[in-house]
Amino acid sequence: MSEIRVESLVKRYGDATALDGVSLAFPRGSFTALLGPSGCGKTTMLRLIAGF
């Protein structure tokens, strides 16, 4: 069972798409790192999960 599950996450800023169809599952008690280049949507995804 996953503690946090994200399915088909989409975020758009006007005509620009920041996230498109992201799906992830973070298992209970796990340590997870999000890695990627600048501007790939890491912070956007974390803000959406947190509710900002």
Protein backbone atom coordinates (compact mmCIF):
# COMPACT_ATOMS: atom_id res chain seq x y z
CA MET A 1 0.00 0.00 0.00
CA SER A 2 1.34 3.43 -0.94
CA GLU A 3 1.40 6.34 1.47
CA ILE A 4 1.23 8.86 -1.39
CA ARG A 5 -0.05 8.13 -4.89
CA VAL A 6 -0.16 10.59 -7.79
CA GLU A 7 -2.04 9.60 -10.93
CA SER A 8 -2.13 11.49 -14.22
CA LEU A 9 -1.02 14.81 -12.70
CA VAL A 10 -1.33 17.74 -15.14
CA LYS A 11 -0.40 21.38 -14.60
CA ARG A 12 -0.66 24.13 -17.19
CA TYR A 13 0.28 27.80 -17.04
CA GLY A 14 -1.72 29.34 -19.86
CA ASP A 15 -0.49 27.68 -23.07
CA ALA A 16 2.61 26.18 -21.39
CA THR A 17 2.34 22.65 -19.97
CA ALA A 18 4.54 22.14 -16.90
CA LEU A 19 3.44 18.57 -16.09
CA ASP A 20 1.59 16.16 -18.34
CA GLY A 21 0.32 12.80 -17.11
CA VAL A 22 2.76 12.23 -14.23
CA SER A 23 2.00 9.13 -12.15
CA LEU A 24 4.04 8.08 -9.09
CA ALA A 25 3.66 6.00 -5.95
CA PHE A 26 5.71 6.63 -2.81
CA PRO A 27 5.72 3.53 -0.56
CA ARG A 28 5.11 3.93 3.16
CA GLY A 29 8.37 4.46 5.07
CA SER A 30 10.47 4.99 1.95
CA PHE A 31 12.97 7.74 1.22
CA THR A 32 12.48 9.22 -2.26
CA ALA A 33 14.56 11.73 -4.21
CA LEU A 34 13.35 13.59 -7.29
CA LEU A 35 16.18 14.20 -9.73
CA GLY A 36 16.12 16.09 -12.98
CA PRO A 37 17.39 19.15 -14.79
CA SER A 38 16.33 22.68 -13.98
CA GLY A 39 12.83 23.45 -15.21
CA CYS A 40 11.62 19.85 -15.55
CA GLY A 41 8.76 20.23 -13.01
CA LYS A 42 10.16 18.83 -9.73
CA THR A 43 9.13 21.81 -7.61
CA THR A 44 5.80 22.18 -9.43
CA MET A 45 4.93 18.56 -8.65
CA LEU A 46 5.90 18.90 -4.97
CA ARG A 47 3.82 22.09 -4.65
CA LEU A 48 0.78 20.36 -6.14
CA ILE A 49 1.15 17.39 -3.78
CA ALA A 50 1.47 19.79 -0.83
CA GLY A 51 -1.62 21.73 -1.92
CA PHE A 52 0.01 25.06 -2.82
